[in-house]
């Protein structure tokens, strides 16, 4: 005997299957994680790790952050110190990070160019997810997408360390905020600082603090417009 399901029941079964598949895909995506690990003994901080989840949440860990890190930019004299904070990056950058991971076989991929180029710091891109745990390490990559991604994440590091210094200046030296904010604006314009949303809370505090000079508050407000 052949059982024939009513059309409405078949439709419900199909919808349930589609829903389950979508739910499983969403769960798999949310369980994924990307990490950039940077090391260069010449820089301060000499080592930091940025971790990112598919929803844009993540963390940044550095010990003894003092200067700009990977950018080599001149920074204000105050030291950021140890930096251990949660962050949230934009949907656009987050999507690019995980799209690059997918395109590059989740970094089970030869990132290193093996060209004789100046040492630029050791970068390791790692991916952990349903597909497994994979990583690649490089000083310089010939792959345009890999290089562009590491440049963007180095620019995020600049923003986060600058935010840490701004917090110290807000607490101990409000007059120093104007110079630091001015530097940050210059780096935003040349692309060496990105993702102002990562320090949005700090910028908001500066912009709303009436004990901070008006010029510095205006700069903080402008930077907040870049976080939207």
C-alpha atoms as a PDB file:
ATOM      1  CA  UNK A   1       0.000   0.000   0.000  1.00  0.00           C
ATOM      2  CA  UNK A   2       1.329   3.434  -0.942  1.00  0.00           C
ATOM      3  CA  UNK A   3       0.635   6.150   1.577  1.00  0.00           C
ATOM      4  CA  UNK A   4      -0.155   9.539   0.098  1.00  0.00           C
ATOM      5  CA  UNK A   5       0.252  12.493   2.380  1.00  0.00           C
ATOM      6  CA  UNK A   6      -2.095  15.432   1.954  1.00  0.00           C
ATOM      7  CA  UNK A   7      -0.509  18.410   0.161  1.00  0.00           C
ATOM      8  CA  UNK A   8      -0.806  20.583   3.258  1.00  0.00           C
ATOM      9  CA  UNK A   9       0.989  17.992   5.401  1.00  0.00           C
ATOM     10  CA  UNK A  10       3.749  17.647   2.813  1.00  0.00           C
ATOM     11  CA  UNK A  11       4.184  21.428   2.860  1.00  0.00           C
ATOM     12  CA  UNK A  12       4.478  21.430   6.652  1.00  0.00           C
ATOM     13  CA  UNK A  13       7.034  18.605   6.580  1.00  0.00           C
ATOM     14  CA  UNK A  14       9.084  20.454   3.958  1.00  0.00           C
ATOM     15  CA  UNK A  15       8.977  23.651   6.002  1.00  0.00           C
ATOM     16  CA  UNK A  16      10.102  21.753   9.105  1.00  0.00           C
ATOM     17  CA  UNK A  17      13.038  20.251   7.214  1.00  0.00           C
ATOM     18  CA  UNK A  18      14.063  23.649   5.852  1.00  0.00           C
ATOM     19  CA  UNK A  19      13.801  25.157   9.331  1.00  0.00           C
ATOM     20  CA  UNK A  20      15.943  22.422  10.876  1.00  0.00           C
ATOM     21  CA  UNK A  21      18.611  22.806   8.193  1.00  0.00           C
ATOM     22  CA  UNK A  22      18.648  26.585   8.668  1.00  0.00           C
ATOM     23  CA  UNK A  23      18.843  26.168  12.438  1.00  0.00           C
ATOM     24  CA  UNK A  24      21.762  23.774  12.137  1.00  0.00           C
ATOM     25  CA  UNK A  25      23.553  26.155   9.729  1.00  0.00           C
ATOM     26  CA  UNK A  26      23.030  29.088  12.086  1.00  0.00           C
ATOM     27  CA  UNK A  27      24.308  27.068  15.034  1.00  0.00           C
ATOM     28  CA  UNK A  28      27.365  25.998  13.066  1.00  0.00           C
ATOM     29  CA  UNK A  29      28.080  29.604  12.102  1.00  0.00           C
ATOM     30  CA  UNK A  30      27.733  30.882  15.668  1.00  0.00           C
ATOM     31  CA  UNK A  31      30.102  28.199  16.956  1.00  0.00           C
ATOM     32  CA  UNK A  32      32.860  29.436  14.637  1.00  0.00           C
ATOM     33  CA  UNK A  33      35.652  31.712  15.838  1.00  0.00           C
ATOM     34  CA  UNK A  34      38.493  33.637  14.196  1.00  0.00           C
ATOM     35  CA  UNK A  35      41.712  34.715  15.857  1.00  0.00           C
ATOM     36  CA  UNK A  36      44.636  36.901  14.826  1.00  0.00           C
ATOM     37  CA  UNK A  37      47.804  36.450  16.855  1.00  0.00           C
ATOM     38  CA  UNK A  38      50.534  39.067  16.299  1.00  0.00           C
ATOM     39  CA  UNK A  39      54.135  38.946  17.574  1.00  0.00           C
ATOM     40  CA  UNK A  40      56.990  41.386  17.015  1.00  0.00           C
ATOM     41  CA  UNK A  41      59.580  41.941  19.749  1.00  0.00           C
ATOM     42  CA  UNK A  42      60.404  45.379  18.299  1.00  0.00           C
ATOM     43  CA  UNK A  43      56.876  46.644  18.873  1.00  0.00           C
ATOM     44  CA  UNK A  44      55.003  47.624  22.012  1.00  0.00           C
ATOM     45  CA  UNK A  45      52.982  45.599  22.722  1.00  0.00           C
ATOM     46  CA  UNK A  46      55.195  42.826  21.427  1.00  0.00           C
ATOM     47  CA  UNK A  47      52.310  40.376  21.404  1.00  0.00           C
ATOM     48  CA  UNK A  48      48.545  40.659  21.134  1.00  0.00           C
ATOM     49  CA  UNK A  49      45.587  38.480  20.243  1.00  0.00           C
ATOM     50  CA  UNK A  50      42.294  39.559  18.684  1.00  0.00           C
ATOM     51  CA  UNK A  51      39.420  37.069  18.825  1.00  0.00           C
ATOM     52  CA  UNK A  52      36.254  37.515  16.781  1.00  0.00           C
ATOM     53  CA  UNK A  53      32.887  35.724  16.654  1.00  0.00           C
ATOM     54  CA  UNK A  54      30.481  35.733  13.680  1.00  0.00           C
ATOM     55  CA  UNK A  55      28.147  38.214  15.427  1.00  0.00           C
ATOM     56  CA  UNK A  56      30.947  40.815  15.672  1.00  0.00           C
ATOM     57  CA  UNK A  57      31.638  40.284  19.382  1.00  0.00           C
ATOM     58  CA  UNK A  58      35.102  39.380  20.529  1.00  0.00           C
ATOM     59  CA  UNK A  59      38.057  40.293  22.691  1.00  0.00           C
ATOM     60  CA  UNK A  60      41.469  41.928  22.517  1.00  0.00           C
ATOM     61  CA  UNK A  61      44.349  40.906  24.783  1.00  0.00           C
ATOM     62  CA  UNK A  62      47.734  42.648  24.960  1.00  0.00           C
ATOM     63  CA  UNK A  63      50.391  42.979  27.625  1.00  0.00           C
ATOM     64  CA  UNK A  64      52.116  46.291  28.246  1.00  0.00           C
ATOM     65  CA  UNK A  65      50.601  48.226  25.325  1.00  0.00           C
ATOM     66  CA  UNK A  66      52.596  51.465  25.098  1.00  0.00           C
ATOM     67  CA  UNK A  67      52.953  52.658  21.549  1.00  0.00           C
ATOM     68  CA  UNK A  68      51.096  52.017  18.312  1.00  0.00           C
ATOM     69  CA  UNK A  69      51.878  48.350  17.878  1.00  0.00           C
ATOM     70  CA  UNK A  70      52.015  47.170  14.276  1.00  0.00           C
ATOM     71  CA  UNK A  71      51.593  50.579  12.614  1.00  0.00           C
ATOM     72  CA  UNK A  72      54.770  52.342  13.708  1.00  0.00           C
ATOM     73  CA  UNK A  73      52.798  55.573  14.105  1.00  0.00           C
ATOM     74  CA  UNK A  74      53.969  58.212  16.596  1.00  0.00           C
ATOM     75  CA  UNK A  75      51.675  58.131  19.603  1.00  0.00           C
ATOM     76  CA  UNK A  76      51.209  60.198  22.740  1.00  0.00           C
ATOM     77  CA  UNK A  77      53.644  59.503  25.565  1.00  0.00           C
ATOM     78  CA  UNK A  78      51.207  57.892  27.988  1.00  0.00           C
ATOM     79  CA  UNK A  79      51.291  54.104  28.094  1.00  0.00           C
ATOM     80  CA  UNK A  80      48.168  52.064  27.488  1.00  0.00           C
ATOM     81  CA  UNK A  81      49.412  49.355  29.853  1.00  0.00           C
ATOM     82  CA  UNK A  82      47.885  45.898  29.749  1.00  0.00           C
ATOM     83  CA  UNK A  83      44.756  45.759  27.622  1.00  0.00           C
ATOM     84  CA  UNK A  84      42.121  43.085  28.250  1.00  0.00           C
ATOM     85  CA  UNK A  85      38.747  44.031  26.856  1.00  0.00           C
ATOM     86  CA  UNK A  86      35.699  42.842  25.027  1.00  0.00           C
ATOM     87  CA  UNK A  87      35.086  44.442  21.641  1.00  0.00           C
ATOM     88  CA  UNK A  88      32.455  44.591  18.935  1.00  0.00           C
ATOM     89  CA  UNK A  89      33.404  45.096  15.295  1.00  0.00           C
ATOM     90  CA  UNK A  90      31.203  46.185  12.410  1.00  0.00           C
ATOM     91  CA  UNK A  91      29.100  43.718  10.439  1.00  0.00           C
ATOM     92  CA  UNK A  92      31.050  44.640   7.288  1.00  0.00           C
ATOM     93  CA  UNK A  93      34.474  43.779   8.701  1.00  0.00           C
ATOM     94  CA  UNK A  94      33.169  40.706  10.529  1.00  0.00           C
ATOM     95  CA  UNK A  95      31.651  39.350   7.324  1.00  0.00           C
ATOM     96  CA  UNK A  96      34.924  39.998   5.466  1.00  0.00           C
ATOM     97  CA  UNK A  97      36.883  38.114   8.109  1.00  0.00           C
ATOM     98  CA  UNK A  98      34.730  34.978   7.879  1.00  0.00           C
ATOM     99  CA  UNK A  99      34.292  35.244   4.102  1.00  0.00           C
ATOM    100  CA  UNK A 100      38.085  35.327   3.760  1.00  0.00           C
ATOM    101  CA  UNK A 101      38.343  32.316   6.065  1.00  0.00           C
ATOM    102  CA  UNK A 102      35.934  30.384   3.852  1.00  0.00           C
ATOM    103  CA  UNK A 103      37.681  31.475   0.652  1.00  0.00           C
ATOM    104  CA  UNK A 104      41.099  30.468   2.025  1.00  0.00           C
ATOM    105  CA  UNK A 105      40.093  26.983   3.153  1.00  0.00           C
ATOM    106  CA  UNK A 106      39.688  28.192   6.747  1.00  0.00           C
ATOM    107  CA  UNK A 107      43.417  29.051   6.681  1.00  0.00           C
ATOM    108  CA  UNK A 108      44.532  25.529   5.909  1.00  0.00           C
ATOM    109  CA  UNK A 109      46.304  27.507   3.255  1.00  0.00           C
ATOM    110  CA  UNK A 110      49.903  28.629   2.477  1.00  0.00           C
ATOM    111  CA  UNK A 111      49.709  32.251   3.671  1.00  0.00           C
ATOM    112  CA  UNK A 112      53.465  32.869   3.738  1.00  0.00           C
ATOM    113  CA  UNK A 113      55.041  34.173   0.529  1.00  0.00           C
ATOM    114  CA  UNK A 114      58.585  32.959   1.424  1.00  0.00           C
ATOM    115  CA  UNK A 115      59.880  36.081  -0.309  1.00  0.00           C
ATOM    116  CA  UNK A 116      62.913  37.855   1.093  1.00  0.00           C
ATOM    117  CA  UNK A 117      61.157  40.874   2.520  1.00  0.00           C
ATOM    118  CA  UNK A 118      61.735  42.881   5.698  1.00  0.00           C
ATOM    119  CA  UNK A 119      60.329  41.376   8.874  1.00  0.00           C
ATOM    120  CA  UNK A 120      56.891  42.855   9.531  1.00  0.00           C
ATOM    121  CA  UNK A 121      55.869  40.801  12.536  1.00  0.00           C
ATOM    122  CA  UNK A 122      54.624  37.244  12.731  1.00  0.00           C
ATOM    123  CA  UNK A 123      50.891  36.981  12.096  1.00  0.00           C
ATOM    124  CA  UNK A 124      48.845  33.849  12.639  1.00  0.00           C
ATOM    125  CA  UNK A 125      45.276  33.565  11.394  1.00  0.00           C
ATOM    126  CA  UNK A 126      43.330  30.791  13.119  1.00  0.00           C
ATOM    127  CA  UNK A 127      39.841  29.429  12.557  1.00  0.00           C
ATOM    128  CA  UNK A 128      37.902  27.113  14.848  1.00  0.00           C
ATOM    129  CA  UNK A 129      34.499  25.808  13.870  1.00  0.00           C
ATOM    130  CA  UNK A 130      32.470  22.816  12.685  1.00  0.00           C
ATOM    131  CA  UNK A 131      34.985  22.394   9.853  1.00  0.00           C
ATOM    132  CA  UNK A 132      37.815  21.898  12.348  1.00  0.00           C
ATOM    133  CA  UNK A 133      40.663  23.973  13.752  1.00  0.00           C
ATOM    134  CA  UNK A 134      43.127  25.326  11.224  1.00  0.00           C
ATOM    135  CA  UNK A 135      45.646  28.155  10.969  1.00  0.00           C
ATOM    136  CA  UNK A 136      48.351  29.709   8.847  1.00  0.00           C
ATOM    137  CA  UNK A 137      51.320  31.840   9.886  1.00  0.00           C
ATOM    138  CA  UNK A 138      53.115  34.478   7.858  1.00  0.00           C
ATOM    139  CA  UNK A 139      55.358  37.517   7.816  1.00  0.00           C
ATOM    140  CA  UNK A 140      54.291  38.666   4.352  1.00  0.00           C
ATOM    141  CA  UNK A 141      51.681  37.109   2.095  1.00  0.00           C
ATOM    142  CA  UNK A 142      51.400  37.457  -1.670  1.00  0.00           C
ATOM    143  CA  UNK A 143      47.680  36.817  -1.321  1.00  0.00           C
ATOM    144  CA  UNK A 144      45.936  40.198  -1.664  1.00  0.00           C
ATOM    145  CA  UNK A 145      42.958  39.233   0.524  1.00  0.00           C
ATOM    146  CA  UNK A 146      45.190  37.978   3.336  1.00  0.00           C
ATOM    147  CA  UNK A 147      47.332  41.129   3.261  1.00  0.00           C
ATOM    148  CA  UNK A 148      44.311  43.435   3.152  1.00  0.00           C
ATOM    149  CA  UNK A 149      42.685  41.621   6.068  1.00  0.00           C
ATOM    150  CA  UNK A 150      45.791  41.774   8.250  1.00  0.00           C
ATOM    151  CA  UNK A 151      46.163  45.489   7.457  1.00  0.00           C
ATOM    152  CA  UNK A 152      42.570  46.106   8.552  1.00  0.00           C
ATOM    153  CA  UNK A 153      43.084  44.190  11.790  1.00  0.00           C
ATOM    154  CA  UNK A 154      46.331  46.039  12.505  1.00  0.00           C
ATOM    155  CA  UNK A 155      44.302  49.235  12.093  1.00  0.00           C
ATOM    156  CA  UNK A 156      41.776  47.880  14.613  1.00  0.00           C
ATOM    157  CA  UNK A 157      44.652  47.261  17.041  1.00  0.00           C
ATOM    158  CA  UNK A 158      45.728  50.899  16.648  1.00  0.00           C
ATOM    159  CA  UNK A 159      42.194  52.032  17.499  1.00  0.00           C
ATOM    160  CA  UNK A 160      41.907  49.807  20.567  1.00  0.00           C
ATOM    161  CA  UNK A 161      45.280  50.845  22.007  1.00  0.00           C
ATOM    162  CA  UNK A 162      44.470  54.486  21.339  1.00  0.00           C
ATOM    163  CA  UNK A 163      41.195  53.967  23.182  1.00  0.00           C
ATOM    164  CA  UNK A 164      43.081  52.535  26.156  1.00  0.00           C
ATOM    165  CA  UNK A 165      45.331  55.603  26.254  1.00  0.00           C
ATOM    166  CA  UNK A 166      42.323  57.912  25.970  1.00  0.00           C
ATOM    167  CA  UNK A 167      40.802  56.274  29.031  1.00  0.00           C
ATOM    168  CA  UNK A 168      43.981  56.933  31.025  1.00  0.00           C
ATOM    169  CA  UNK A 169      44.172  60.510  29.792  1.00  0.00           C
ATOM    170  CA  UNK A 170      40.539  61.056  30.721  1.00  0.00           C
ATOM    171  CA  UNK A 171      41.352  59.936  34.237  1.00  0.00           C
ATOM    172  CA  UNK A 172      44.768  61.540  34.748  1.00  0.00           C
ATOM    173  CA  UNK A 173      45.436  64.220  32.103  1.00  0.00           C
ATOM    174  CA  UNK A 174      42.397  65.680  30.327  1.00  0.00           C
ATOM    175  CA  UNK A 175      44.584  68.270  28.594  1.00  0.00           C
ATOM    176  CA  UNK A 176      46.374  65.447  26.784  1.00  0.00           C
ATOM    177  CA  UNK A 177      43.146  64.236  25.183  1.00  0.00           C
ATOM    178  CA  UNK A 178      43.201  66.869  22.453  1.00  0.00           C
ATOM    179  CA  UNK A 179      46.525  65.703  20.984  1.00  0.00           C
ATOM    180  CA  UNK A 180      45.656  62.009  21.196  1.00  0.00           C
ATOM    181  CA  UNK A 181      42.267  62.552  19.562  1.00  0.00           C
ATOM    182  CA  UNK A 182      43.914  64.661  16.863  1.00  0.00           C
ATOM    183  CA  UNK A 183      46.341  61.830  16.128  1.00  0.00           C
ATOM    184  CA  UNK A 184      43.489  59.353  15.948  1.00  0.00           C
ATOM    185  CA  UNK A 185      41.615  61.532  13.441  1.00  0.00           C
ATOM    186  CA  UNK A 186      44.716  61.657  11.214  1.00  0.00           C
ATOM    187  CA  UNK A 187      44.998  57.861  11.340  1.00  0.00           C
ATOM    188  CA  UNK A 188      41.328  57.469  10.477  1.00  0.00           C
ATOM    189  CA  UNK A 189      41.877  59.630   7.408  1.00  0.00           C
ATOM    190  CA  UNK A 190      44.904  57.638   6.206  1.00  0.00           C
ATOM    191  CA  UNK A 191      43.293  54.281   7.038  1.00  0.00           C
ATOM    192  CA  UNK A 192      45.749  53.195   9.723  1.00  0.00           C
ATOM    193  CA  UNK A 193      42.988  53.321  12.359  1.00  0.00           C
ATOM    194  CA  UNK A 194      39.615  51.674  11.732  1.00  0.00           C
ATOM    195  CA  UNK A 195      36.495  50.552  13.579  1.00  0.00           C
ATOM    196  CA  UNK A 196      35.768  53.449  15.929  1.00  0.00           C
ATOM    197  CA  UNK A 197      32.874  51.359  17.220  1.00  0.00           C
ATOM    198  CA  UNK A 198      35.460  49.323  19.132  1.00  0.00           C
ATOM    199  CA  UNK A 199      36.040  52.336  21.432  1.00  0.00           C
ATOM    200  CA  UNK A 200      32.609  53.943  21.150  1.00  0.00           C
ATOM    201  CA  UNK A 201      31.979  53.902  24.882  1.00  0.00           C
ATOM    202  CA  UNK A 202      35.243  55.747  25.586  1.00  0.00           C
ATOM    203  CA  UNK A 203      34.593  58.363  22.898  1.00  0.00           C
ATOM    204  CA  UNK A 204      31.073  58.911  24.233  1.00  0.00           C
ATOM    205  CA  UNK A 205      32.395  59.535  27.734  1.00  0.00           C
ATOM    206  CA  UNK A 206      34.874  62.096  26.430  1.00  0.00           C
ATOM    207  CA  UNK A 207      32.282  63.827  24.240  1.00  0.00           C
ATOM    208  CA  UNK A 208      29.877  64.197  27.180  1.00  0.00           C
ATOM    209  CA  UNK A 209      32.418  65.214  29.846  1.00  0.00           C
ATOM    210  CA  UNK A 210      32.058  68.946  30.501  1.00  0.00           C
ATOM    211  CA  UNK A 211      35.470  69.021  32.201  1.00  0.00           C
ATOM    212  CA  UNK A 212      37.109  68.186  28.838  1.00  0.00           C
ATOM    213  CA  UNK A 213      37.996  71.140  26.615  1.00  0.00           C
ATOM    214  CA  UNK A 214      35.473  71.862  23.859  1.00  0.00           C
ATOM    215  CA  UNK A 215      37.968  71.222  21.058  1.00  0.00           C
ATOM    216  CA  UNK A 216      38.688  67.709  22.314  1.00  0.00           C
ATOM    217  CA  UNK A 217      34.970  67.018  22.774  1.00  0.00           C
ATOM    218  CA  UNK A 218      34.301  68.073  19.171  1.00  0.00           C
ATOM    219  CA  UNK A 219      36.995  65.683  17.972  1.00  0.00           C
ATOM    220  CA  UNK A 220      35.466  62.860  20.004  1.00  0.00           C
ATOM    221  CA  UNK A 221      32.034  63.621  18.517  1.00  0.00           C
ATOM    222  CA  UNK A 222      33.475  63.525  14.990  1.00  0.00           C
ATOM    223  CA  UNK A 223      35.100  60.168  15.689  1.00  0.00           C
ATOM    224  CA  UNK A 224      31.769  58.871  16.961  1.00  0.00           C
ATOM    225  CA  UNK A 225      30.239  59.661  13.557  1.00  0.00           C
ATOM    226  CA  UNK A 226      32.757  57.215  12.090  1.00  0.00           C
ATOM    227  CA  UNK A 227      31.430  54.471  14.364  1.00  0.00           C
ATOM    228  CA  UNK A 228      27.976  54.485  12.760  1.00  0.00           C
END
